[in-house]
Amino acid sequence: MELTKDDMAIIINNVGFDSFKSSLTTFSEAMALRGLAESFGSIPIEDFEKEQKAIADKRISRRKERVTKLKNSVKS
């Protein structure tokens, strides 16, 4: 049986992140998981990174909006 890209991604996520609870790339566990994922050669890591960057950019934008609103309400 050959695993699909999605199967491998789910296994890595469940085993790795569920055990280590750290997805930050500065943690050695996260770096090890990334190395494992890269070793498969078939997991679209760059696609995942693009998706996560888009999510992070939206989050940062919403945070900036909230901070601006709070600053304006304090000035009033």
Protein backbone atom coordinates (compact mmCIF):
# COMPACT_ATOMS: atom_id res chain seq x y z
CA MET A 1 0.00 0.00 0.00
CA GLU A 2 1.35 3.40 -0.96
CA LEU A 3 0.48 6.42 1.14
CA THR A 4 -0.84 9.56 -0.50
CA LYS A 5 0.57 13.01 0.25
CA ASP A 6 -2.43 13.71 2.46
CA ASP A 7 -1.95 10.43 4.33
CA MET A 8 1.69 11.24 5.02
CA ALA A 9 0.85 14.78 6.11
CA ILE A 10 -1.80 13.50 8.52
CA ILE A 11 0.56 10.90 9.98
CA ILE A 12 3.32 13.45 10.49
CA ASN A 13 0.86 15.88 12.03
CA ASN A 14 -0.70 13.32 14.35
CA VAL A 15 2.53 11.70 15.45
CA GLY A 16 4.73 14.76 15.52
CA PHE A 17 2.68 17.72 16.53
CA ASP A 18 0.38 15.76 18.80
CA SER A 19 3.41 14.44 20.67
CA PHE A 20 5.53 17.58 20.68
CA LYS A 21 2.79 20.24 20.76
CA SER A 22 5.09 22.73 19.05
CA SER A 23 4.76 23.83 15.48
CA LEU A 24 7.18 26.71 15.79
CA THR A 25 10.14 26.21 13.51
CA THR A 26 12.54 27.27 16.26
CA PHE A 27 11.87 24.11 18.25
CA SER A 28 14.18 21.19 17.55
CA GLU A 29 11.20 18.85 17.36
CA ALA A 30 9.60 20.98 14.65
CA MET A 31 12.87 21.07 12.72
CA ALA A 32 13.09 17.27 12.97
CA LEU A 33 9.53 16.92 11.68
CA ARG A 34 10.26 19.24 8.81
CA GLY A 35 13.33 17.18 7.94
CA LEU A 36 11.19 14.05 8.00
CA ALA A 37 8.58 15.64 5.76
CA GLU A 38 11.26 16.88 3.37
CA SER A 39 12.81 13.41 3.20
CA PHE A 40 9.61 12.04 1.67
CA GLY A 41 10.07 14.39 -1.24
CA SER A 42 6.39 14.24 -2.05
CA ILE A 43 4.85 16.40 0.67
CA PRO A 44 4.09 19.88 -0.70
CA ILE A 45 5.75 21.82 2.13
CA GLU A 46 5.90 25.07 0.17
CA ASP A 47 2.15 24.90 -0.45
CA PHE A 48 1.51 24.46 3.27
CA GLU A 49 3.84 27.37 4.04
CA LYS A 50 2.00 29.63 1.57
CA GLU A 51 -1.35 28.71 3.12
CA GLN A 52 -0.04 29.35 6.62
CA LYS A 53 1.49 32.68 5.59
CA ALA A 54 -1.85 33.80 4.16
CA ILE A 55 -3.57 32.87 7.42
CA ALA A 56 -0.88 34.64 9.46
CA ASP A 57 -1.11 37.77 7.28
CA LYS A 58 -4.87 37.96 7.86
CA ARG A 59 -4.35 37.48 11.59
CA ILE A 60 -1.74 40.25 11.71
CA SER A 61 -3.99 42.59 9.74
CA ARG A 62 -6.93 41.99 12.10
CA ARG A 63 -4.67 42.52 15.10
CA LYS A 64 -3.44 45.85 13.72
CA GLU A 65 -7.03 46.95 13.15
CA ARG A 66 -7.97 46.07 16.74
CA VAL A 67 -4.95 47.90 18.14
CA THR A 68 -5.79 50.99 16.07
CA LYS A 69 -9.39 50.93 17.31
CA LEU A 70 -8.23 50.57 20.90
CA LYS A 71 -5.79 53.47 20.55
CA ASN A 72 -8.52 55.64 19.04
CA SER A 73 -10.96 54.76 21.82
CA VAL A 74 -8.37 55.65 24.47
CA LYS A 75 -7.74 59.04 22.84
CA SER A 76 -11.47 59.85 22.78
